[in-house]
PDB file of all heavy atoms in Angstrom:
ATOM      1  N   ALA A   1       3.526   2.685  -8.568  1.00  0.00           N
ATOM      2  CA  ALA A   1       3.690   1.543  -9.461  1.00  0.00           C
ATOM      3  C   ALA A   1       4.228   1.971 -10.820  1.00  0.00           C
ATOM      4  O   ALA A   1       4.927   1.202 -11.483  1.00  0.00           O
ATOM      5  CB  ALA A   1       2.362   0.814  -9.630  1.00  0.00           C
ATOM      6  N   GLU A   2       3.914   3.190 -11.219  1.00  0.00           N
ATOM      7  CA  GLU A   2       4.391   3.729 -12.493  1.00  0.00           C
ATOM      8  C   GLU A   2       5.079   5.065 -12.246  1.00  0.00           C
ATOM      9  O   GLU A   2       4.510   6.136 -12.469  1.00  0.00           O
ATOM     10  CB  GLU A   2       3.243   3.882 -13.489  1.00  0.00           C
ATOM     11  CG  GLU A   2       2.579   2.552 -13.844  1.00  0.00           C
ATOM     12  CD  GLU A   2       1.476   2.712 -14.873  1.00  0.00           C
ATOM     13  OE1 GLU A   2       1.274   3.851 -15.357  1.00  0.00           O
ATOM     14  OE2 GLU A   2       0.838   1.707 -15.207  1.00  0.00           O
ATOM     15  N   PRO A   3       6.312   5.028 -11.739  1.00  0.00           N
ATOM     16  CA  PRO A   3       7.021   6.266 -11.395  1.00  0.00           C
ATOM     17  C   PRO A   3       7.287   7.136 -12.628  1.00  0.00           C
ATOM     18  O   PRO A   3       7.536   6.636 -13.723  1.00  0.00           O
ATOM     19  CB  PRO A   3       8.321   5.778 -10.758  1.00  0.00           C
ATOM     20  CG  PRO A   3       8.499   4.383 -11.268  1.00  0.00           C
ATOM     21  CD  PRO A   3       7.116   3.834 -11.454  1.00  0.00           C
ATOM     22  N   GLU A   4       7.227   8.439 -12.406  1.00  0.00           N
ATOM     23  CA  GLU A   4       7.507   9.406 -13.448  1.00  0.00           C
ATOM     24  C   GLU A   4       8.872  10.046 -13.207  1.00  0.00           C
ATOM     25  O   GLU A   4       9.564   9.737 -12.219  1.00  0.00           O
ATOM     26  CB  GLU A   4       6.402  10.457 -13.474  1.00  0.00           C
ATOM     27  CG  GLU A   4       5.024   9.866 -13.736  1.00  0.00           C
ATOM     28  CD  GLU A   4       3.915  10.901 -13.643  1.00  0.00           C
ATOM     29  OE1 GLU A   4       4.212  12.096 -13.374  1.00  0.00           O
ATOM     30  OE2 GLU A   4       2.740  10.520 -13.829  1.00  0.00           O
ATOM     31  N   LEU A   5       9.240  10.950 -14.102  1.00  0.00           N
ATOM     32  CA  LEU A   5      10.557  11.581 -14.008  1.00  0.00           C
ATOM     33  C   LEU A   5      10.772  12.251 -12.654  1.00  0.00           C
ATOM     34  O   LEU A   5      11.857  12.157 -12.067  1.00  0.00           O
ATOM     35  CB  LEU A   5      10.704  12.620 -15.132  1.00  0.00           C
ATOM     36  CG  LEU A   5      12.033  13.384 -15.167  1.00  0.00           C
ATOM     37  CD1 LEU A   5      13.204  12.422 -15.362  1.00  0.00           C
ATOM     38  CD2 LEU A   5      12.004  14.435 -16.285  1.00  0.00           C
ATOM     39  N   VAL A   6       9.741  12.900 -12.117  1.00  0.00           N
ATOM     40  CA  VAL A   6       9.883  13.599 -10.842  1.00  0.00           C
ATOM     41  C   VAL A   6      10.214  12.609  -9.719  1.00  0.00           C
ATOM     42  O   VAL A   6      11.023  12.923  -8.829  1.00  0.00           O
ATOM     43  CB  VAL A   6       8.605  14.405 -10.502  1.00  0.00           C
ATOM     44  CG1 VAL A   6       7.393  13.488 -10.328  1.00  0.00           C
ATOM     45  CG2 VAL A   6       8.821  15.242  -9.266  1.00  0.00           C
ATOM     46  N   HIS A   7       9.645  11.416  -9.776  1.00  0.00           N
ATOM     47  CA  HIS A   7       9.926  10.435  -8.723  1.00  0.00           C
ATOM     48  C   HIS A   7      11.372   9.951  -8.788  1.00  0.00           C
ATOM     49  O   HIS A   7      12.046   9.852  -7.751  1.00  0.00           O
ATOM     50  CB  HIS A   7       8.976   9.236  -8.859  1.00  0.00           C
ATOM     51  CG  HIS A   7       7.522   9.622  -8.758  1.00  0.00           C
ATOM     52  ND1 HIS A   7       6.676   9.599  -9.838  1.00  0.00           N
ATOM     53  CD2 HIS A   7       6.787  10.055  -7.699  1.00  0.00           C
ATOM     54  CE1 HIS A   7       5.478   9.986  -9.451  1.00  0.00           C
ATOM     55  NE2 HIS A   7       5.512  10.262  -8.167  1.00  0.00           N
ATOM     56  N   TRP A   8      11.854   9.670  -9.999  1.00  0.00           N
ATOM     57  CA  TRP A   8      13.242   9.233 -10.150  1.00  0.00           C
ATOM     58  C   TRP A   8      14.201  10.337  -9.745  1.00  0.00           C
ATOM     59  O   TRP A   8      15.240  10.084  -9.114  1.00  0.00           O
ATOM     60  CB  TRP A   8      13.504   8.781 -11.568  1.00  0.00           C
ATOM     61  CG  TRP A   8      12.806   7.514 -11.939  1.00  0.00           C
ATOM     62  CD1 TRP A   8      11.829   7.341 -12.872  1.00  0.00           C
ATOM     63  CD2 TRP A   8      13.034   6.208 -11.383  1.00  0.00           C
ATOM     64  NE1 TRP A   8      11.418   6.036 -12.916  1.00  0.00           N
ATOM     65  CE2 TRP A   8      12.140   5.317 -12.027  1.00  0.00           C
ATOM     66  CE3 TRP A   8      13.894   5.714 -10.406  1.00  0.00           C
ATOM     67  CZ2 TRP A   8      12.088   3.957 -11.725  1.00  0.00           C
ATOM     68  CZ3 TRP A   8      13.845   4.357 -10.091  1.00  0.00           C
ATOM     69  CH2 TRP A   8      12.962   3.498 -10.746  1.00  0.00           C
ATOM     70  N   GLY A   9      13.868  11.584 -10.093  1.00  0.00           N
ATOM     71  CA  GLY A   9      14.716  12.706  -9.696  1.00  0.00           C
ATOM     72  C   GLY A   9      14.784  12.872  -8.195  1.00  0.00           C
ATOM     73  O   GLY A   9      15.864  13.095  -7.624  1.00  0.00           O
ATOM     74  N   ASN A  10      13.634  12.768  -7.538  1.00  0.00           N
ATOM     75  CA  ASN A  10      13.604  12.867  -6.083  1.00  0.00           C
ATOM     76  C   ASN A  10      14.368  11.729  -5.426  1.00  0.00           C
ATOM     77  O   ASN A  10      15.078  11.935  -4.435  1.00  0.00           O
ATOM     78  CB  ASN A  10      12.159  12.885  -5.590  1.00  0.00           C
ATOM     79  CG  ASN A  10      11.434  14.163  -5.941  1.00  0.00           C
ATOM     80  OD1 ASN A  10      12.060  15.175  -6.237  1.00  0.00           O
ATOM     81  ND2 ASN A  10      10.115  14.124  -5.916  1.00  0.00           N
ATOM     82  N   LEU A  11      14.214  10.538  -5.972  1.00  0.00           N
ATOM     83  CA  LEU A  11      14.959   9.393  -5.440  1.00  0.00           C
ATOM     84  C   LEU A  11      16.458   9.652  -5.471  1.00  0.00           C
ATOM     85  O   LEU A  11      17.167   9.401  -4.495  1.00  0.00           O
ATOM     86  CB  LEU A  11      14.622   8.140  -6.237  1.00  0.00           C
ATOM     87  CG  LEU A  11      15.362   6.862  -5.820  1.00  0.00           C
ATOM     88  CD1 LEU A  11      14.821   6.333  -4.499  1.00  0.00           C
ATOM     89  CD2 LEU A  11      15.252   5.787  -6.901  1.00  0.00           C
ATOM     90  N   SER A  12      16.927  10.167  -6.579  1.00  0.00           N
ATOM     91  CA  SER A  12      18.354  10.447  -6.723  1.00  0.00           C
ATOM     92  C   SER A  12      18.835  11.463  -5.682  1.00  0.00           C
ATOM     93  O   SER A  12      19.903  11.311  -5.089  1.00  0.00           O
ATOM     94  CB  SER A  12      18.641  10.969  -8.143  1.00  0.00           C
ATOM     95  OG  SER A  12      20.002  11.302  -8.284  1.00  0.00           O
ATOM     96  N   GLU A  13      18.022  12.499  -5.447  1.00  0.00           N
ATOM     97  CA  GLU A  13      18.412  13.541  -4.495  1.00  0.00           C
ATOM     98  C   GLU A  13      18.379  13.026  -3.043  1.00  0.00           C
ATOM     99  O   GLU A  13      19.197  13.434  -2.219  1.00  0.00           O
ATOM    100  CB  GLU A  13      17.475  14.737  -4.636  1.00  0.00           C
ATOM    101  CG  GLU A  13      17.624  15.504  -5.937  1.00  0.00           C
ATOM    102  CD  GLU A  13      18.975  16.194  -6.066  1.00  0.00           C
ATOM    103  OE1 GLU A  13      19.534  16.612  -5.030  1.00  0.00           O
ATOM    104  OE2 GLU A  13      19.479  16.300  -7.197  1.00  0.00           O
ATOM    105  N   LEU A  14      17.435  12.161  -2.748  1.00  0.00           N
ATOM    106  CA  LEU A  14      17.270  11.689  -1.380  1.00  0.00           C
ATOM    107  C   LEU A  14      18.146  10.492  -1.034  1.00  0.00           C
ATOM    108  O   LEU A  14      18.264  10.125   0.138  1.00  0.00           O
ATOM    109  CB  LEU A  14      15.792  11.308  -1.144  1.00  0.00           C
ATOM    110  CG  LEU A  14      14.795  12.459  -1.171  1.00  0.00           C
ATOM    111  CD1 LEU A  14      13.371  11.912  -1.117  1.00  0.00           C
ATOM    112  CD2 LEU A  14      15.036  13.423  -0.026  1.00  0.00           C
ATOM    113  N   LEU A  15      18.769   9.909  -2.042  1.00  0.00           N
ATOM    114  CA  LEU A  15      19.510   8.659  -1.849  1.00  0.00           C
ATOM    115  C   LEU A  15      20.523   8.691  -0.701  1.00  0.00           C
ATOM    116  O   LEU A  15      20.648   7.686   0.026  1.00  0.00           O
ATOM    117  CB  LEU A  15      20.213   8.280  -3.158  1.00  0.00           C
ATOM    118  CG  LEU A  15      20.410   6.782  -3.421  1.00  0.00           C
ATOM    119  CD1 LEU A  15      19.093   6.035  -3.294  1.00  0.00           C
ATOM    120  CD2 LEU A  15      21.021   6.567  -4.801  1.00  0.00           C
ATOM    121  N   PRO A  16      21.253   9.794  -0.468  1.00  0.00           N
ATOM    122  CA  PRO A  16      22.213   9.773   0.646  1.00  0.00           C
ATOM    123  C   PRO A  16      21.571   9.542   2.016  1.00  0.00           C
ATOM    124  O   PRO A  16      22.242   9.095   2.944  1.00  0.00           O
ATOM    125  CB  PRO A  16      22.856  11.161   0.574  1.00  0.00           C
ATOM    126  CG  PRO A  16      22.689  11.586  -0.851  1.00  0.00           C
ATOM    127  CD  PRO A  16      21.362  11.039  -1.266  1.00  0.00           C
ATOM    128  N   HIS A  17      20.280   9.846   2.119  1.00  0.00           N
ATOM    129  CA  HIS A  17      19.592   9.693   3.402  1.00  0.00           C
ATOM    130  C   HIS A  17      18.667   8.489   3.444  1.00  0.00           C
ATOM    131  O   HIS A  17      18.112   8.158   4.492  1.00  0.00           O
ATOM    132  CB  HIS A  17      18.736  10.937   3.682  1.00  0.00           C
ATOM    133  CG  HIS A  17      19.485  12.229   3.596  1.00  0.00           C
ATOM    134  ND1 HIS A  17      20.364  12.644   4.575  1.00  0.00           N
ATOM    135  CD2 HIS A  17      19.492  13.196   2.633  1.00  0.00           C
ATOM    136  CE1 HIS A  17      20.870  13.818   4.229  1.00  0.00           C
ATOM    137  NE2 HIS A  17      20.360  14.151   3.070  1.00  0.00           N
ATOM    138  N   LEU A  18      18.495   7.804   2.320  1.00  0.00           N
ATOM    139  CA  LEU A  18      17.429   6.836   2.156  1.00  0.00           C
ATOM    140  C   LEU A  18      17.776   5.468   2.743  1.00  0.00           C
ATOM    141  O   LEU A  18      18.840   4.915   2.460  1.00  0.00           O
ATOM    142  CB  LEU A  18      17.100   6.694   0.674  1.00  0.00           C
ATOM    143  CG  LEU A  18      15.656   6.352   0.286  1.00  0.00           C
ATOM    144  CD1 LEU A  18      14.679   7.352   0.852  1.00  0.00           C
ATOM    145  CD2 LEU A  18      15.538   6.312  -1.229  1.00  0.00           C
ATOM    146  N   VAL A  19      16.848   4.917   3.544  1.00  0.00           N
ATOM    147  CA  VAL A  19      17.042   3.583   4.105  1.00  0.00           C
ATOM    148  C   VAL A  19      15.849   2.667   3.808  1.00  0.00           C
ATOM    149  O   VAL A  19      15.768   1.558   4.339  1.00  0.00           O
ATOM    150  CB  VAL A  19      17.277   3.647   5.639  1.00  0.00           C
ATOM    151  CG1 VAL A  19      18.627   4.285   5.949  1.00  0.00           C
ATOM    152  CG2 VAL A  19      16.143   4.383   6.349  1.00  0.00           C
ATOM    153  N   GLY A  20      14.960   3.121   2.935  1.00  0.00           N
ATOM    154  CA  GLY A  20      13.843   2.264   2.575  1.00  0.00           C
ATOM    155  C   GLY A  20      12.868   2.951   1.661  1.00  0.00           C
ATOM    156  O   GLY A  20      12.848   4.187   1.562  1.00  0.00           O
ATOM    157  N   ALA A  21      12.059   2.160   0.972  1.00  0.00           N
ATOM    158  CA  ALA A  21      10.999   2.669   0.104  1.00  0.00           C
ATOM    159  C   ALA A  21       9.912   1.613   0.021  1.00  0.00           C
ATOM    160  O   ALA A  21      10.182   0.488  -0.406  1.00  0.00           O
ATOM    161  CB  ALA A  21      11.536   3.014  -1.282  1.00  0.00           C
ATOM    162  N   LEU A  22       8.705   1.972   0.431  1.00  0.00           N
ATOM    163  CA  LEU A  22       7.583   1.042   0.399  1.00  0.00           C
ATOM    164  C   LEU A  22       6.763   1.265  -0.856  1.00  0.00           C
ATOM    165  O   LEU A  22       6.597   2.403  -1.305  1.00  0.00           O
ATOM    166  CB  LEU A  22       6.687   1.237   1.620  1.00  0.00           C
ATOM    167  CG  LEU A  22       7.072   0.447   2.886  1.00  0.00           C
ATOM    168  CD1 LEU A  22       8.449   0.864   3.380  1.00  0.00           C
ATOM    169  CD2 LEU A  22       6.025   0.647   3.967  1.00  0.00           C
ATOM    170  N   PRO A  23       6.228   0.192  -1.445  1.00  0.00           N
ATOM    171  CA  PRO A  23       5.379   0.363  -2.626  1.00  0.00           C
ATOM    172  C   PRO A  23       4.049   0.993  -2.246  1.00  0.00           C
ATOM    173  O   PRO A  23       3.517   0.774  -1.153  1.00  0.00           O
ATOM    174  CB  PRO A  23       5.193  -1.069  -3.135  1.00  0.00           C
ATOM    175  CG  PRO A  23       5.344  -1.911  -1.908  1.00  0.00           C
ATOM    176  CD  PRO A  23       6.379  -1.225  -1.062  1.00  0.00           C
ATOM    177  N   ASP A  24       3.510   1.772  -3.153  1.00  0.00           N
ATOM    178  CA  ASP A  24       2.193   2.343  -2.943  1.00  0.00           C
ATOM    179  C   ASP A  24       1.185   1.208  -2.727  1.00  0.00           C
ATOM    180  O   ASP A  24       1.193   0.201  -3.431  1.00  0.00           O
ATOM    181  CB  ASP A  24       1.805   3.171  -4.173  1.00  0.00           C
ATOM    182  CG  ASP A  24       0.587   4.028  -3.920  1.00  0.00           C
ATOM    183  OD1 ASP A  24       0.249   4.269  -2.749  1.00  0.00           O
ATOM    184  OD2 ASP A  24      -0.015   4.479  -4.907  1.00  0.00           O
ATOM    185  N   GLY A  25       0.338   1.365  -1.737  1.00  0.00           N
ATOM    186  CA  GLY A  25      -0.656   0.345  -1.445  1.00  0.00           C
ATOM    187  C   GLY A  25      -0.187  -0.771  -0.526  1.00  0.00           C
ATOM    188  O   GLY A  25      -0.915  -1.732  -0.306  1.00  0.00           O
ATOM    189  N   ALA A  26       1.002  -0.636   0.057  1.00  0.00           N
ATOM    190  CA  ALA A  26       1.522  -1.695   0.928  1.00  0.00           C
ATOM    191  C   ALA A  26       0.605  -1.972   2.095  1.00  0.00           C
ATOM    192  O   ALA A  26       0.455  -3.115   2.539  1.00  0.00           O
ATOM    193  CB  ALA A  26       2.928  -1.337   1.417  1.00  0.00           C
ATOM    194  N   GLY A  27      -0.034  -0.928   2.611  1.00  0.00           N
ATOM    195  CA  GLY A  27      -0.904  -1.106   3.775  1.00  0.00           C
ATOM    196  C   GLY A  27      -2.148  -1.913   3.490  1.00  0.00           C
ATOM    197  O   GLY A  27      -2.790  -2.402   4.418  1.00  0.00           O
ATOM    198  N   ALA A  28      -2.499  -2.063   2.212  1.00  0.00           N
ATOM    199  CA  ALA A  28      -3.687  -2.828   1.845  1.00  0.00           C
ATOM    200  C   ALA A  28      -3.358  -4.285   1.518  1.00  0.00           C
ATOM    201  O   ALA A  28      -4.244  -5.061   1.173  1.00  0.00           O
ATOM    202  CB  ALA A  28      -4.375  -2.172   0.653  1.00  0.00           C
ATOM    203  N   MET A  29      -2.094  -4.643   1.623  1.00  0.00           N
ATOM    204  CA  MET A  29      -1.692  -6.013   1.316  1.00  0.00           C
ATOM    205  C   MET A  29      -2.219  -6.997   2.350  1.00  0.00           C
ATOM    206  O   MET A  29      -2.502  -6.618   3.503  1.00  0.00           O
ATOM    207  CB  MET A  29      -0.156  -6.136   1.303  1.00  0.00           C
ATOM    208  CG  MET A  29       0.522  -5.544   0.107  1.00  0.00           C
ATOM    209  SD  MET A  29       2.313  -5.810   0.255  1.00  0.00           S
ATOM    210  CE  MET A  29       2.868  -5.224  -1.343  1.00  0.00           C
ATOM    211  N   ASP A  30      -2.333  -8.253   1.955  1.00  0.00           N
ATOM    212  CA  ASP A  30      -2.562  -9.317   2.917  1.00  0.00           C
ATOM    213  C   ASP A  30      -1.404  -9.301   3.924  1.00  0.00           C
ATOM    214  O   ASP A  30      -0.234  -9.186   3.533  1.00  0.00           O
ATOM    215  CB  ASP A  30      -2.584 -10.660   2.188  1.00  0.00           C
ATOM    216  CG  ASP A  30      -2.654 -11.825   3.161  1.00  0.00           C
ATOM    217  OD1 ASP A  30      -3.747 -12.160   3.605  1.00  0.00           O
ATOM    218  OD2 ASP A  30      -1.560 -12.380   3.468  1.00  0.00           O
ATOM    219  N   PRO A  31      -1.694  -9.371   5.218  1.00  0.00           N
ATOM    220  CA  PRO A  31      -0.614  -9.286   6.208  1.00  0.00           C
ATOM    221  C   PRO A  31       0.507 -10.279   6.004  1.00  0.00           C
ATOM    222  O   PRO A  31       1.689  -9.962   6.213  1.00  0.00           O
ATOM    223  CB  PRO A  31      -1.353  -9.522   7.536  1.00  0.00           C
ATOM    224  CG  PRO A  31      -2.734  -9.024   7.287  1.00  0.00           C
ATOM    225  CD  PRO A  31      -3.025  -9.396   5.860  1.00  0.00           C
ATOM    226  N   GLY A  32       0.173 -11.499   5.573  1.00  0.00           N
ATOM    227  CA  GLY A  32       1.223 -12.484   5.348  1.00  0.00           C
ATOM    228  C   GLY A  32       2.139 -12.077   4.214  1.00  0.00           C
ATOM    229  O   GLY A  32       3.371 -12.211   4.308  1.00  0.00           O
ATOM    230  N   VAL A  33       1.571 -11.562   3.136  1.00  0.00           N
ATOM    231  CA  VAL A  33       2.375 -11.076   2.011  1.00  0.00           C
ATOM    232  C   VAL A  33       3.205  -9.879   2.446  1.00  0.00           C
ATOM    233  O   VAL A  33       4.388  -9.765   2.092  1.00  0.00           O
ATOM    234  CB  VAL A  33       1.463 -10.708   0.816  1.00  0.00           C
ATOM    235  CG1 VAL A  33       2.278 -10.078  -0.308  1.00  0.00           C
ATOM    236  CG2 VAL A  33       0.717 -11.926   0.321  1.00  0.00           C
ATOM    237  N   PHE A  34       2.598  -8.998   3.224  1.00  0.00           N
ATOM    238  CA  PHE A  34       3.311  -7.821   3.738  1.00  0.00           C
ATOM    239  C   PHE A  34       4.561  -8.245   4.502  1.00  0.00           C
ATOM    240  O   PHE A  34       5.664  -7.752   4.247  1.00  0.00           O
ATOM    241  CB  PHE A  34       2.367  -7.022   4.630  1.00  0.00           C
ATOM    242  CG  PHE A  34       2.938  -5.770   5.230  1.00  0.00           C
ATOM    243  CD1 PHE A  34       2.843  -4.564   4.550  1.00  0.00           C
ATOM    244  CD2 PHE A  34       3.567  -5.785   6.471  1.00  0.00           C
ATOM    245  CE1 PHE A  34       3.374  -3.393   5.100  1.00  0.00           C
ATOM    246  CE2 PHE A  34       4.097  -4.626   7.024  1.00  0.00           C
ATOM    247  CZ  PHE A  34       3.990  -3.430   6.331  1.00  0.00           C
ATOM    248  N   ARG A  35       4.400  -9.174   5.415  1.00  0.00           N
ATOM    249  CA  ARG A  35       5.541  -9.590   6.256  1.00  0.00           C
ATOM    250  C   ARG A  35       6.626 -10.281   5.449  1.00  0.00           C
ATOM    251  O   ARG A  35       7.811 -10.146   5.751  1.00  0.00           O
ATOM    252  CB  ARG A  35       5.043 -10.514   7.373  1.00  0.00           C
ATOM    253  CG  ARG A  35       4.195  -9.807   8.405  1.00  0.00           C
ATOM    254  CD  ARG A  35       3.491 -10.803   9.322  1.00  0.00           C
ATOM    255  NE  ARG A  35       2.203 -10.268   9.747  1.00  0.00           N
ATOM    256  CZ  ARG A  35       1.194 -10.997  10.172  1.00  0.00           C
ATOM    257  NH1 ARG A  35       1.301 -12.327  10.218  1.00  0.00           N
ATOM    258  NH2 ARG A  35       0.067 -10.420  10.540  1.00  0.00           N
ATOM    259  N   ARG A  36       6.225 -11.025   4.431  1.00  0.00           N
ATOM    260  CA  ARG A  36       7.228 -11.692   3.599  1.00  0.00           C
ATOM    261  C   ARG A  36       7.959 -10.717   2.686  1.00  0.00           C
ATOM    262  O   ARG A  36       9.034 -11.054   2.173  1.00  0.00           O
ATOM    263  CB  ARG A  36       6.565 -12.783   2.760  1.00  0.00           C
ATOM    264  CG  ARG A  36       6.072 -13.982   3.556  1.00  0.00           C
ATOM    265  CD  ARG A  36       5.699 -15.147   2.646  1.00  0.00           C
ATOM    266  NE  ARG A  36       4.557 -14.848   1.794  1.00  0.00           N
ATOM    267  CZ  ARG A  36       3.304 -15.041   2.124  1.00  0.00           C
ATOM    268  NH1 ARG A  36       3.000 -15.523   3.322  1.00  0.00           N
ATOM    269  NH2 ARG A  36       2.327 -14.767   1.262  1.00  0.00           N
ATOM    270  N   SER A  37       7.392  -9.536   2.480  1.00  0.00           N
ATOM    271  CA  SER A  37       7.940  -8.584   1.517  1.00  0.00           C
ATOM    272  C   SER A  37       8.799  -7.485   2.139  1.00  0.00           C
ATOM    273  O   SER A  37       9.616  -6.878   1.450  1.00  0.00           O
ATOM    274  CB  SER A  37       6.793  -7.914   0.735  1.00  0.00           C
ATOM    275  OG  SER A  37       5.972  -8.863   0.106  1.00  0.00           O
ATOM    276  N   VAL A  38       8.624  -7.222   3.439  1.00  0.00           N
ATOM    277  CA  VAL A  38       9.193  -6.006   4.020  1.00  0.00           C
ATOM    278  C   VAL A  38      10.711  -5.923   3.902  1.00  0.00           C
ATOM    279  O   VAL A  38      11.260  -4.829   3.719  1.00  0.00           O
ATOM    280  CB  VAL A  38       8.786  -5.844   5.501  1.00  0.00           C
ATOM    281  CG1 VAL A  38       7.300  -5.555   5.620  1.00  0.00           C
ATOM    282  CG2 VAL A  38       9.167  -7.082   6.325  1.00  0.00           C
TER     283      VAL A  38
END
């Protein structure tokens, strides 16, 4: 929820391979909210 410099740096490096990113805590969401958000 509060990414730091290391997270942004890693995102930049992984971007050529990246096809998704889930928010931290997604598994604890209400299932209906989860499905509407994916």
